Amino acid sequence: MSKTTDFGAPTEFGMHHFYVEIPTSPRDAIRIYEDFGFDGDEARRETVECRLVLARELWNKIRDDARRDFNERLKSKKQSTGSWTIGKVKLDRFLGREICVLGWAAEHASPEECLVICQKWLALRPEERWWLYSKTASEAGLEDQSGRGWRKALYCALSDGSSIKVEPKKNPKIKEKPEQSEQQETLTLFNLIEKGDI
């Protein structure tokens, strides 16, 4: 069994993992990064992408459910567990994908909606979370793409939907039919032929 740190992240240098950057100031936003490592090629430059910047108030609402879920699964694999501490907290690349899905759903939410989002996220199987991550990251996976496609859809799917503003459909205007007495006869080509006018 390979050694891990924090939430199942590999300790070997240059391995693919995620990390959450938690600043010292309790009001500063947290950032979630994906570190692709060297992918087995140490000559290649390491690539790191910021996946999410999340308000600290919202992070505080979702972090405990994520920690409990991750630690239960790590314990079942006989790996050491993690906690959210100030600084850089590393995650296994699959757990990193899952925390991104939770964070992306919460970034549009109110603090009250985060409870519902966490419950629905906990109800998803890990494979479902990974699938949601891959769909979202492919089109809107960077920190500045919060209002697009699947990224915005995660909020709609995992919240209760009460704050989702959808414009009501406009019914087409139907012209009222005039009264029979006012209705004028419209003559077509066939009417004219029948009347002998042509």
N, C-alpha and C. Protein backbone atom coordinates (compact mmCIF):
# COMPACT_ATOMS: atom_id res chain seq x y z
N MET A 1 0.84 -1.18 0.00
CA MET A 1 0.00 0.00 0.00
C MET A 1 0.89 1.25 0.00
N SER A 2 0.64 2.17 -0.95
CA SER A 2 1.49 3.35 -1.07
C SER A 2 1.14 4.37 0.02
N LYS A 3 2.11 5.18 0.39
CA LYS A 3 1.90 6.18 1.43
C LYS A 3 1.10 7.34 0.85
N THR A 4 0.24 7.89 1.71
CA THR A 4 -0.57 9.04 1.30
C THR A 4 -0.48 10.13 2.36
N THR A 5 -0.92 11.31 1.97
CA THR A 5 -0.96 12.44 2.90
C THR A 5 -2.31 13.13 2.78
N ASP A 6 -2.72 13.82 3.83
CA ASP A 6 -4.00 14.55 3.87
C ASP A 6 -5.15 13.63 3.45
N PHE A 7 -5.87 13.97 2.39
CA PHE A 7 -7.01 13.16 1.96
C PHE A 7 -6.60 12.21 0.82
N GLY A 8 -5.75 11.26 1.14
CA GLY A 8 -5.40 10.22 0.18
C GLY A 8 -4.46 10.64 -0.93
N ALA A 9 -3.85 11.80 -0.83
CA ALA A 9 -2.95 12.26 -1.90
C ALA A 9 -1.64 11.50 -1.84
N PRO A 10 -1.07 11.14 -3.00
CA PRO A 10 0.20 10.42 -3.01
C PRO A 10 1.34 11.31 -2.50
N THR A 11 2.26 10.69 -1.81
CA THR A 11 3.41 11.46 -1.28
C THR A 11 4.56 11.53 -2.28
N GLU A 12 4.53 10.68 -3.32
CA GLU A 12 5.60 10.71 -4.32
C GLU A 12 5.58 12.04 -5.07
N PHE A 13 6.75 12.52 -5.40
CA PHE A 13 6.90 13.79 -6.10
C PHE A 13 6.35 13.70 -7.52
N GLY A 14 5.64 14.75 -7.94
CA GLY A 14 5.18 14.85 -9.32
C GLY A 14 3.96 14.02 -9.67
N MET A 15 3.20 13.56 -8.68
CA MET A 15 2.00 12.76 -8.95
C MET A 15 0.77 13.67 -9.11
N HIS A 16 -0.16 13.21 -9.92
CA HIS A 16 -1.40 13.94 -10.17
C HIS A 16 -2.23 13.98 -8.88
N HIS A 17 -2.65 15.17 -8.46
CA HIS A 17 -3.48 15.32 -7.27
C HIS A 17 -4.18 16.68 -7.31
N PHE A 18 -5.04 16.92 -6.34
CA PHE A 18 -5.69 18.22 -6.17
C PHE A 18 -5.22 18.79 -4.83
N TYR A 19 -5.39 20.09 -4.66
CA TYR A 19 -5.18 20.65 -3.34
C TYR A 19 -6.09 21.85 -3.12
N VAL A 20 -6.48 22.02 -1.85
CA VAL A 20 -7.30 23.16 -1.44
C VAL A 20 -6.38 24.11 -0.70
N GLU A 21 -6.37 25.36 -1.13
CA GLU A 21 -5.55 26.37 -0.50
C GLU A 21 -6.44 27.18 0.44
N ILE A 22 -6.17 27.04 1.76
CA ILE A 22 -6.99 27.70 2.77
C ILE A 22 -6.16 28.81 3.41
N PRO A 23 -6.51 30.07 3.14
CA PRO A 23 -5.72 31.18 3.67
C PRO A 23 -5.91 31.37 5.18
N THR A 24 -4.99 32.07 5.79
CA THR A 24 -5.03 32.32 7.24
C THR A 24 -6.20 33.19 7.63
N SER A 25 -6.47 34.22 6.85
CA SER A 25 -7.58 35.14 7.17
C SER A 25 -8.92 34.42 7.03
N PRO A 26 -9.78 34.47 8.05
CA PRO A 26 -11.05 33.74 8.00
C PRO A 26 -12.06 34.29 7.00
N ARG A 27 -11.76 35.43 6.40
CA ARG A 27 -12.67 36.01 5.40
C ARG A 27 -12.23 35.78 3.97
N ASP A 28 -11.00 35.35 3.78
CA ASP A 28 -10.48 35.16 2.42
C ASP A 28 -11.05 33.89 1.78
N ALA A 29 -11.28 33.98 0.49
CA ALA A 29 -11.82 32.84 -0.26
C ALA A 29 -10.81 31.69 -0.31
N ILE A 30 -11.33 30.49 -0.48
CA ILE A 30 -10.45 29.33 -0.66
C ILE A 30 -10.34 29.05 -2.16
N ARG A 31 -9.28 28.37 -2.54
CA ARG A 31 -9.05 28.02 -3.95
C ARG A 31 -8.78 26.53 -4.05
N ILE A 32 -9.34 25.93 -5.09
CA ILE A 32 -9.10 24.50 -5.34
C ILE A 32 -8.32 24.39 -6.65
N TYR A 33 -7.19 23.68 -6.58
CA TYR A 33 -6.30 23.52 -7.73
C TYR A 33 -6.21 22.05 -8.13
N GLU A 34 -6.01 21.84 -9.42
CA GLU A 34 -5.66 20.51 -9.92
C GLU A 34 -4.20 20.57 -10.37
N ASP A 35 -3.40 19.71 -9.78
CA ASP A 35 -1.97 19.63 -10.11
C ASP A 35 -1.78 18.34 -10.89
N PHE A 36 -1.49 18.47 -12.18
CA PHE A 36 -1.39 17.29 -13.05
C PHE A 36 -0.08 16.53 -12.87
N GLY A 37 0.84 17.09 -12.10
CA GLY A 37 2.12 16.43 -11.88
C GLY A 37 2.92 16.33 -13.17
N PHE A 38 3.84 15.40 -13.19
CA PHE A 38 4.68 15.22 -14.38
C PHE A 38 4.21 14.07 -15.25
N ASP A 39 3.17 13.38 -14.78
CA ASP A 39 2.58 12.29 -15.56
C ASP A 39 3.64 11.30 -16.02
N GLY A 40 4.56 10.97 -15.12
CA GLY A 40 5.60 9.99 -15.43
C GLY A 40 6.77 10.52 -16.22
N ASP A 41 6.73 11.78 -16.61
CA ASP A 41 7.80 12.37 -17.41
C ASP A 41 8.39 13.55 -16.65
N GLU A 42 9.49 13.35 -15.95
CA GLU A 42 10.06 14.40 -15.11
C GLU A 42 10.66 15.55 -15.92
N ALA A 43 10.88 15.34 -17.22
CA ALA A 43 11.41 16.42 -18.07
C ALA A 43 10.31 17.42 -18.42
N ARG A 44 9.05 16.98 -18.27
CA ARG A 44 7.92 17.84 -18.61
C ARG A 44 7.63 18.82 -17.48
N ARG A 45 7.23 20.00 -17.84
CA ARG A 45 6.91 21.01 -16.83
C ARG A 45 5.58 20.68 -16.16
N GLU A 46 5.53 20.89 -14.86
CA GLU A 46 4.32 20.60 -14.09
C GLU A 46 3.21 21.60 -14.45
N THR A 47 1.98 21.09 -14.60
CA THR A 47 0.84 21.94 -14.94
C THR A 47 -0.12 22.00 -13.75
N VAL A 48 -0.50 23.21 -13.36
CA VAL A 48 -1.45 23.42 -12.27
C VAL A 48 -2.54 24.35 -12.78
N GLU A 49 -3.82 23.99 -12.53
CA GLU A 49 -4.93 24.84 -12.93
C GLU A 49 -5.82 25.10 -11.74
N CYS A 50 -6.22 26.36 -11.56
CA CYS A 50 -7.18 26.70 -10.52
C CYS A 50 -8.57 26.36 -11.02
N ARG A 51 -9.25 25.47 -10.32
CA ARG A 51 -10.58 25.02 -10.72
C ARG A 51 -11.71 25.85 -10.12
N LEU A 52 -11.44 26.46 -8.96
CA LEU A 52 -12.53 27.13 -8.27
C LEU A 52 -12.01 28.11 -7.22
N VAL A 53 -12.66 29.26 -7.14
CA VAL A 53 -12.47 30.20 -6.03
C VAL A 53 -13.82 30.27 -5.34
N LEU A 54 -13.86 29.90 -4.07
CA LEU A 54 -15.13 29.81 -3.35
C LEU A 54 -15.10 30.71 -2.11
N ALA A 55 -16.17 31.47 -1.92
CA ALA A 55 -16.28 32.35 -0.75
C ALA A 55 -16.15 31.52 0.53
N ARG A 56 -15.45 32.07 1.49
CA ARG A 56 -15.18 31.34 2.73
C ARG A 56 -16.46 30.94 3.45
N GLU A 57 -17.47 31.79 3.43
CA GLU A 57 -18.75 31.50 4.08
C GLU A 57 -19.38 30.23 3.49
N LEU A 58 -19.29 30.08 2.17
CA LEU A 58 -19.87 28.90 1.52
C LEU A 58 -19.00 27.67 1.79
N TRP A 59 -17.69 27.85 1.76
CA TRP A 59 -16.77 26.75 2.06
C TRP A 59 -17.04 26.19 3.46
N ASN A 60 -17.26 27.09 4.42
CA ASN A 60 -17.52 26.66 5.79
C ASN A 60 -18.79 25.81 5.90
N LYS A 61 -19.71 26.01 4.98
CA LYS A 61 -20.97 25.26 5.00
C LYS A 61 -20.83 23.86 4.39
N ILE A 62 -19.86 23.66 3.51
CA ILE A 62 -19.76 22.36 2.81
C ILE A 62 -18.58 21.50 3.28
N ARG A 63 -17.61 22.09 3.92
CA ARG A 63 -16.35 21.38 4.21
C ARG A 63 -16.52 20.17 5.13
N ASP A 64 -17.40 20.27 6.14
CA ASP A 64 -17.51 19.19 7.12
C ASP A 64 -18.13 17.93 6.52
N ASP A 65 -19.15 18.11 5.68
CA ASP A 65 -19.76 16.94 5.02
C ASP A 65 -18.76 16.26 4.10
N ALA A 66 -17.98 17.06 3.38
CA ALA A 66 -16.95 16.49 2.49
C ALA A 66 -15.90 15.74 3.31
N ARG A 67 -15.44 16.35 4.40
CA ARG A 67 -14.42 15.71 5.25
C ARG A 67 -14.91 14.37 5.79
N ARG A 68 -16.14 14.34 6.32
CA ARG A 68 -16.68 13.09 6.87
C ARG A 68 -16.78 12.01 5.79
N ASP A 69 -17.31 12.40 4.63
CA ASP A 69 -17.47 11.42 3.54
C ASP A 69 -16.12 10.87 3.09
N PHE A 70 -15.16 11.75 2.86
CA PHE A 70 -13.84 11.32 2.40
C PHE A 70 -13.15 10.44 3.44
N ASN A 71 -13.21 10.84 4.72
CA ASN A 71 -12.52 10.09 5.76
C ASN A 71 -13.12 8.70 5.98
N GLU A 72 -14.43 8.58 5.86
CA GLU A 72 -15.05 7.25 5.97
C GLU A 72 -14.53 6.32 4.88
N ARG A 73 -14.42 6.84 3.69
CA ARG A 73 -13.94 6.03 2.57
C ARG A 73 -12.45 5.71 2.70
N LEU A 74 -11.67 6.68 3.17
CA LEU A 74 -10.24 6.44 3.38
C LEU A 74 -10.01 5.40 4.47
N LYS A 75 -10.80 5.47 5.54
CA LYS A 75 -10.70 4.48 6.63
C LYS A 75 -11.00 3.08 6.12
N SER A 76 -12.02 2.98 5.25
CA SER A 76 -12.39 1.66 4.72
C SER A 76 -11.27 1.06 3.87
N LYS A 77 -10.38 1.91 3.33
CA LYS A 77 -9.22 1.44 2.55
C LYS A 77 -7.96 1.39 3.40
N LYS A 78 -8.14 1.60 4.72
CA LYS A 78 -7.03 1.57 5.68
C LYS A 78 -5.95 2.59 5.35
N GLN A 79 -6.42 3.78 4.93
CA GLN A 79 -5.50 4.89 4.69
C GLN A 79 -5.70 5.95 5.77
N SER A 80 -4.69 6.77 5.98
CA SER A 80 -4.82 7.82 6.98
C SER A 80 -5.85 8.86 6.53
N THR A 81 -6.50 9.47 7.51
CA THR A 81 -7.55 10.44 7.21
C THR A 81 -6.99 11.86 7.21
N GLY A 82 -7.79 12.81 6.71
CA GLY A 82 -7.33 14.19 6.60
C GLY A 82 -8.23 15.16 7.33
N SER A 83 -7.81 16.40 7.38
CA SER A 83 -8.61 17.49 7.95
C SER A 83 -8.29 18.77 7.18
N TRP A 84 -9.22 19.71 7.25
CA TRP A 84 -9.04 20.98 6.56
C TRP A 84 -8.26 21.92 7.46
N THR A 85 -7.01 22.13 7.17
CA THR A 85 -6.16 23.00 7.97
C THR A 85 -5.69 24.18 7.13
N ILE A 86 -5.25 25.23 7.80
CA ILE A 86 -4.74 26.42 7.10
C ILE A 86 -3.54 26.01 6.24
N GLY A 87 -3.49 26.53 5.03
CA GLY A 87 -2.40 26.21 4.11
C GLY A 87 -2.89 25.36 2.96
N LYS A 88 -2.04 24.46 2.51
CA LYS A 88 -2.33 23.62 1.34
C LYS A 88 -2.71 22.21 1.82
N VAL A 89 -3.95 21.80 1.51
CA VAL A 89 -4.44 20.47 1.88
C VAL A 89 -4.59 19.66 0.60
N LYS A 90 -3.85 18.56 0.51
CA LYS A 90 -3.84 17.76 -0.72
C LYS A 90 -4.94 16.69 -0.70
N LEU A 91 -5.41 16.35 -1.91
CA LEU A 91 -6.43 15.32 -2.07
C LEU A 91 -6.04 14.37 -3.19
N ASP A 92 -6.44 13.13 -3.05
CA ASP A 92 -6.36 12.16 -4.13
C ASP A 92 -7.07 12.74 -5.35
N ARG A 93 -6.63 12.41 -6.54
CA ARG A 93 -7.20 13.05 -7.74
C ARG A 93 -8.68 12.77 -7.92
N PHE A 94 -9.16 11.62 -7.43
CA PHE A 94 -10.59 11.34 -7.54
C PHE A 94 -11.40 12.10 -6.50
N LEU A 95 -10.87 12.20 -5.29
CA LEU A 95 -11.54 12.99 -4.26
C LEU A 95 -11.52 14.47 -4.63
N GLY A 96 -10.45 14.90 -5.29
CA GLY A 96 -10.37 16.28 -5.76
C GLY A 96 -11.46 16.60 -6.77
N ARG A 97 -11.75 15.65 -7.62
CA ARG A 97 -12.84 15.85 -8.59
C ARG A 97 -14.17 16.01 -7.87
N GLU A 98 -14.34 15.22 -6.83
CA GLU A 98 -15.59 15.25 -6.08
C GLU A 98 -15.77 16.55 -5.32
N ILE A 99 -14.70 17.07 -4.73
CA ILE A 99 -14.82 18.34 -4.00
C ILE A 99 -15.07 19.49 -4.98
N CYS A 100 -14.57 19.37 -6.19
CA CYS A 100 -14.87 20.38 -7.22
C CYS A 100 -16.36 20.40 -7.55
N VAL A 101 -16.95 19.23 -7.71
CA VAL A 101 -18.39 19.14 -8.02
C VAL A 101 -19.19 19.81 -6.91
N LEU A 102 -18.85 19.51 -5.66
CA LEU A 102 -19.55 20.11 -4.52
C LEU A 102 -19.33 21.62 -4.50
N GLY A 103 -18.10 22.05 -4.70
CA GLY A 103 -17.79 23.48 -4.69
C GLY A 103 -18.45 24.23 -5.83
N TRP A 104 -18.46 23.63 -7.02
CA TRP A 104 -19.11 24.28 -8.17
C TRP A 104 -20.60 24.46 -7.93
N ALA A 105 -21.23 23.47 -7.32
CA ALA A 105 -22.67 23.59 -7.02
C ALA A 105 -22.91 24.67 -5.97
N ALA A 106 -22.01 24.78 -5.00
CA ALA A 106 -22.20 25.74 -3.90
C ALA A 106 -21.86 27.17 -4.28
N GLU A 107 -21.06 27.38 -5.33
CA GLU A 107 -20.60 28.74 -5.63
C GLU A 107 -21.74 29.68 -6.01
N HIS A 108 -22.87 29.14 -6.47
CA HIS A 108 -24.02 29.97 -6.85
C HIS A 108 -25.08 30.01 -5.75
N ALA A 109 -24.85 29.29 -4.66
CA ALA A 109 -25.87 29.07 -3.64
C ALA A 109 -25.83 30.11 -2.53
N SER A 110 -26.91 30.15 -1.78
CA SER A 110 -26.92 30.90 -0.52
C SER A 110 -26.42 29.95 0.56
N PRO A 111 -25.97 30.47 1.70
CA PRO A 111 -25.53 29.57 2.77
C PRO A 111 -26.61 28.56 3.19
N GLU A 112 -27.87 28.97 3.14
CA GLU A 112 -28.97 28.07 3.52
C GLU A 112 -29.10 26.91 2.52
N GLU A 113 -28.88 27.20 1.24
CA GLU A 113 -29.02 26.16 0.22
C GLU A 113 -27.90 25.13 0.28
N CYS A 114 -26.79 25.48 0.92
CA CYS A 114 -25.65 24.56 0.97
C CYS A 114 -26.00 23.26 1.69
N LEU A 115 -26.91 23.30 2.65
CA LEU A 115 -27.33 22.09 3.35
C LEU A 115 -27.96 21.10 2.38
N VAL A 116 -28.86 21.59 1.53
CA VAL A 116 -29.52 20.75 0.53
C VAL A 116 -28.50 20.23 -0.48
N ILE A 117 -27.61 21.11 -0.91
CA ILE A 117 -26.58 20.73 -1.89
C ILE A 117 -25.71 19.61 -1.32
N CYS A 118 -25.31 19.74 -0.07
CA CYS A 118 -24.47 18.70 0.56
C CYS A 118 -25.21 17.36 0.64
N GLN A 119 -26.50 17.41 1.00
CA GLN A 119 -27.26 16.16 1.12
C GLN A 119 -27.40 15.47 -0.24
N LYS A 120 -27.64 16.25 -1.27
CA LYS A 120 -27.77 15.65 -2.61
C LYS A 120 -26.42 15.16 -3.12
N TRP A 121 -25.36 15.87 -2.80
CA TRP A 121 -24.01 15.45 -3.19
C TRP A 121 -23.65 14.15 -2.48
N LEU A 122 -23.98 14.05 -1.19
CA LEU A 122 -23.71 12.83 -0.44
C LEU A 122 -24.49 11.64 -0.99
N ALA A 123 -25.65 11.89 -1.57
CA ALA A 123 -26.46 10.81 -2.14
C ALA A 123 -25.90 10.28 -3.46
N LEU A 124 -25.00 11.04 -4.09
CA LEU A 124 -24.39 10.59 -5.35
C LEU A 124 -23.30 9.57 -5.06
N ARG A 125 -23.19 8.58 -5.94
CA ARG A 125 -22.08 7.64 -5.84
C ARG A 125 -20.81 8.31 -6.35
N PRO A 126 -19.62 7.87 -5.88
CA PRO A 126 -18.38 8.48 -6.36
C PRO A 126 -18.29 8.51 -7.89
N GLU A 127 -18.71 7.44 -8.55
CA GLU A 127 -18.63 7.38 -10.02
C GLU A 127 -19.49 8.46 -10.67
N GLU A 128 -20.63 8.76 -10.04
CA GLU A 128 -21.50 9.81 -10.57
C GLU A 128 -20.84 11.18 -10.41
N ARG A 129 -20.19 11.37 -9.29
CA ARG A 129 -19.47 12.64 -9.07
C ARG A 129 -18.33 12.79 -10.08
N TRP A 130 -17.61 11.71 -10.36
CA TRP A 130 -16.50 11.77 -11.33
C TRP A 130 -17.03 12.12 -12.72
N TRP A 131 -18.17 11.53 -13.06
CA TRP A 131 -18.77 11.80 -14.38
C TRP A 131 -19.16 13.27 -14.47
N LEU A 132 -19.81 13.79 -13.41
CA LEU A 132 -20.19 15.21 -13.40
C LEU A 132 -18.96 16.11 -13.50
N TYR A 133 -17.88 15.71 -12.85
CA TYR A 133 -16.65 16.50 -12.94
C TYR A 133 -16.14 16.54 -14.39
N SER A 134 -16.08 15.37 -15.03
CA SER A 134 -15.52 15.33 -16.38
C SER A 134 -16.38 16.14 -17.36
N LYS A 135 -17.71 16.07 -17.22
CA LYS A 135 -18.59 16.85 -18.10
C LYS A 135 -18.39 18.35 -17.86
N THR A 136 -18.29 18.74 -16.60
CA THR A 136 -18.18 20.16 -16.26
C THR A 136 -16.80 20.71 -16.63
N ALA A 137 -15.75 19.99 -16.26
CA ALA A 137 -14.39 20.47 -16.50
C ALA A 137 -14.09 20.61 -17.98
N SER A 138 -14.74 19.82 -18.82
CA SER A 138 -14.45 19.87 -20.25
C SER A 138 -14.91 21.18 -20.89
N GLU A 139 -15.92 21.83 -20.31
CA GLU A 139 -16.39 23.07 -20.92
C GLU A 139 -16.33 24.29 -20.00
N ALA A 140 -16.27 24.07 -18.68
CA ALA A 140 -16.28 25.21 -17.77
C ALA A 140 -15.56 24.87 -16.47
N GLY A 141 -14.34 24.36 -16.59
CA GLY A 141 -13.63 23.87 -15.41
C GLY A 141 -12.63 24.80 -14.78
N LEU A 142 -12.53 26.02 -15.28
CA LEU A 142 -11.54 26.95 -14.73
C LEU A 142 -12.21 27.97 -13.81
N GLU A 143 -11.42 28.63 -12.99
CA GLU A 143 -11.95 29.51 -11.95
C GLU A 143 -12.86 30.61 -12.48
N ASP A 144 -12.63 31.10 -13.69
CA ASP A 144 -13.39 32.23 -14.21
C ASP A 144 -14.55 31.82 -15.14
N GLN A 145 -14.96 30.55 -15.07
CA GLN A 145 -16.01 30.06 -15.97
C GLN A 145 -17.27 29.63 -15.20
N SER A 146 -17.56 30.34 -14.12
CA SER A 146 -18.62 29.89 -13.21
C SER A 146 -20.03 29.96 -13.77
N GLY A 147 -20.29 30.80 -14.72
CA GLY A 147 -21.67 30.97 -15.19
C GLY A 147 -22.02 30.17 -16.43
N ARG A 148 -21.25 29.15 -16.76
CA ARG A 148 -21.44 28.46 -18.04
C ARG A 148 -21.91 27.02 -17.88
N GLY A 149 -22.73 26.58 -18.82
CA GLY A 149 -23.10 25.19 -19.03
C GLY A 149 -23.28 24.32 -17.81
N TRP A 150 -22.55 23.21 -17.81
CA TRP A 150 -22.66 22.22 -16.75
C TRP A 150 -22.30 22.81 -15.39
N ARG A 151 -21.41 23.79 -15.37
CA ARG A 151 -21.00 24.40 -14.12
C ARG A 151 -22.20 25.03 -13.41
N LYS A 152 -23.00 25.77 -14.17
CA LYS A 152 -24.19 26.39 -13.60
C LYS A 152 -25.27 25.33 -13.35
N ALA A 153 -25.30 24.33 -14.19
CA ALA A 153 -26.31 23.27 -14.04
C ALA A 153 -26.14 22.48 -12.75
N LEU A 154 -24.92 22.38 -12.25
CA LEU A 154 -24.70 21.66 -10.98
C LEU A 154 -25.47 22.31 -9.85
N TYR A 155 -25.50 23.63 -9.83
CA TYR A 155 -26.28 24.32 -8.80
C TYR A 155 -27.76 23.97 -8.94
N CYS A 156 -28.27 24.02 -10.15
CA CYS A 156 -29.68 23.72 -10.39
C CYS A 156 -30.02 22.28 -9.99
N ALA A 157 -29.11 21.36 -10.29
CA ALA A 157 -29.36 19.95 -10.02
C ALA A 157 -29.27 19.60 -8.54
N LEU A 158 -28.35 20.24 -7.80
CA LEU A 158 -28.12 19.86 -6.41
C LEU A 158 -28.80 20.76 -5.39
N SER A 159 -29.29 21.92 -5.80
CA SER A 159 -30.03 22.76 -4.85
C SER A 159 -31.50 22.37 -4.92
N ASP A 160 -32.31 22.95 -4.05
CA ASP A 160 -33.74 22.60 -4.07
C ASP A 160 -34.48 23.30 -5.19
N GLY A 161 -33.81 24.24 -5.84
CA GLY A 161 -34.41 24.90 -6.99
C GLY A 161 -35.27 26.11 -6.66
N SER A 162 -35.44 26.45 -5.37
CA SER A 162 -36.34 27.55 -5.03
C SER A 162 -35.81 28.92 -5.47
N SER A 163 -34.50 29.05 -5.60
CA SER A 163 -33.94 30.36 -5.98
C SER A 163 -33.60 30.45 -7.46
N ILE A 164 -33.89 29.39 -8.20
CA ILE A 164 -33.56 29.40 -9.63
C ILE A 164 -34.57 30.28 -10.34
N LYS A 165 -34.08 31.29 -11.02
CA LYS A 165 -34.97 32.21 -11.72
C LYS A 165 -35.05 31.80 -13.19
N VAL A 166 -36.23 31.35 -13.56
CA VAL A 166 -36.48 30.97 -14.95
C VAL A 166 -37.59 31.87 -15.45
N GLU A 167 -37.35 32.51 -16.55
CA GLU A 167 -38.36 33.39 -17.13
C GLU A 167 -39.59 32.57 -17.53
N PRO A 168 -40.78 33.02 -17.13
CA PRO A 168 -41.98 32.28 -17.54
C PRO A 168 -42.16 32.34 -19.05
N LYS A 169 -42.71 31.27 -19.58
CA LYS A 169 -42.94 31.23 -21.03
C LYS A 169 -44.05 32.22 -21.37
N LYS A 170 -43.83 32.93 -22.44
CA LYS A 170 -44.84 33.89 -22.88
C LYS A 170 -45.79 33.17 -23.84
N ASN A 171 -47.07 33.26 -23.50
CA ASN A 171 -48.06 32.66 -24.38
C ASN A 171 -48.25 33.56 -25.60
N PRO A 172 -48.36 32.95 -26.77
CA PRO A 172 -48.56 33.77 -27.96
C PRO A 172 -49.91 34.47 -27.91
N LYS A 173 -49.94 35.69 -28.39
CA LYS A 173 -51.20 36.44 -28.42
C LYS A 173 -52.10 35.85 -29.48
N ILE A 174 -53.33 35.60 -29.08
CA ILE A 174 -54.30 35.04 -30.02
C ILE A 174 -55.30 36.14 -30.33
N LYS A 175 -55.43 36.41 -31.61
CA LYS A 175 -56.38 37.45 -32.01
C LYS A 175 -57.79 36.91 -31.83
N GLU A 176 -58.59 37.77 -31.22
CA GLU A 176 -59.98 37.35 -31.02
C GLU A 176 -60.69 37.40 -32.36
N LYS A 177 -61.56 36.41 -32.57
CA LYS A 177 -62.32 36.38 -33.81
C LYS A 177 -63.43 37.42 -33.74
N PRO A 178 -63.58 38.18 -34.79
CA PRO A 178 -64.66 39.18 -34.78
C PRO A 178 -66.03 38.49 -34.79
N GLU A 179 -67.04 39.25 -34.36
CA GLU A 179 -68.41 38.70 -34.36
C GLU A 179 -68.80 38.35 -35.78
N GLN A 180 -69.74 37.41 -35.92
CA GLN A 180 -70.18 36.95 -37.24
C GLN A 180 -70.66 38.11 -38.10
N SER A 181 -71.37 39.04 -37.46
CA SER A 181 -71.93 40.14 -38.24
C SER A 181 -70.85 41.05 -38.81
N GLU A 182 -69.77 41.21 -38.05
CA GLU A 182 -68.69 42.08 -38.49
C GLU A 182 -67.72 41.38 -39.44
N GLN A 183 -67.80 40.06 -39.46
CA GLN A 183 -66.83 39.30 -40.24
C GLN A 183 -67.07 39.53 -41.73
N GLN A 184 -66.01 39.88 -42.43
CA GLN A 184 -66.13 40.11 -43.86
C GLN A 184 -65.78 38.83 -44.59
N GLU A 185 -66.45 38.61 -45.68
CA GLU A 185 -66.19 37.42 -46.47
C GLU A 185 -64.90 37.62 -47.25
N THR A 186 -64.01 36.68 -47.12
CA THR A 186 -62.76 36.73 -47.85
C THR A 186 -62.90 35.81 -49.05
N LEU A 187 -62.73 36.38 -50.20
CA LEU A 187 -62.89 35.60 -51.41
C LEU A 187 -61.55 35.05 -51.86
N THR A 188 -61.52 33.77 -52.14
CA THR A 188 -60.33 33.15 -52.69
C THR A 188 -60.53 32.97 -54.17
N LEU A 189 -59.51 32.50 -54.85
CA LEU A 189 -59.57 32.26 -56.28
C LEU A 189 -60.70 31.29 -56.62
N PHE A 190 -60.88 30.28 -55.76
CA PHE A 190 -61.89 29.27 -56.02
C PHE A 190 -63.30 29.83 -55.83
N ASN A 191 -63.48 30.75 -54.84
CA ASN A 191 -64.77 31.39 -54.66
C ASN A 191 -65.15 32.21 -55.89
N LEU A 192 -64.18 32.93 -56.45
CA LEU A 192 -64.42 33.75 -57.62
C LEU A 192 -64.81 32.93 -58.82
N ILE A 193 -64.16 31.76 -58.98
CA ILE A 193 -64.49 30.88 -60.10
C ILE A 193 -65.91 30.36 -59.97
N GLU A 194 -66.27 29.97 -58.72
CA GLU A 194 -67.63 29.45 -58.48
C GLU A 194 -68.68 30.51 -58.77
N LYS A 195 -68.37 31.76 -58.43
CA LYS A 195 -69.34 32.83 -58.65
C LYS A 195 -69.37 33.29 -60.12
N GLY A 196 -68.42 32.86 -60.88
CA GLY A 196 -68.40 33.22 -62.29
C GLY A 196 -67.77 34.57 -62.57
N ASP A 197 -67.08 35.12 -61.53
CA ASP A 197 -66.45 36.43 -61.71
C ASP A 197 -65.17 36.31 -62.54
N ILE A 198 -64.67 35.11 -62.71
CA ILE A 198 -63.46 34.94 -63.50
C ILE A 198 -63.76 34.05 -64.69
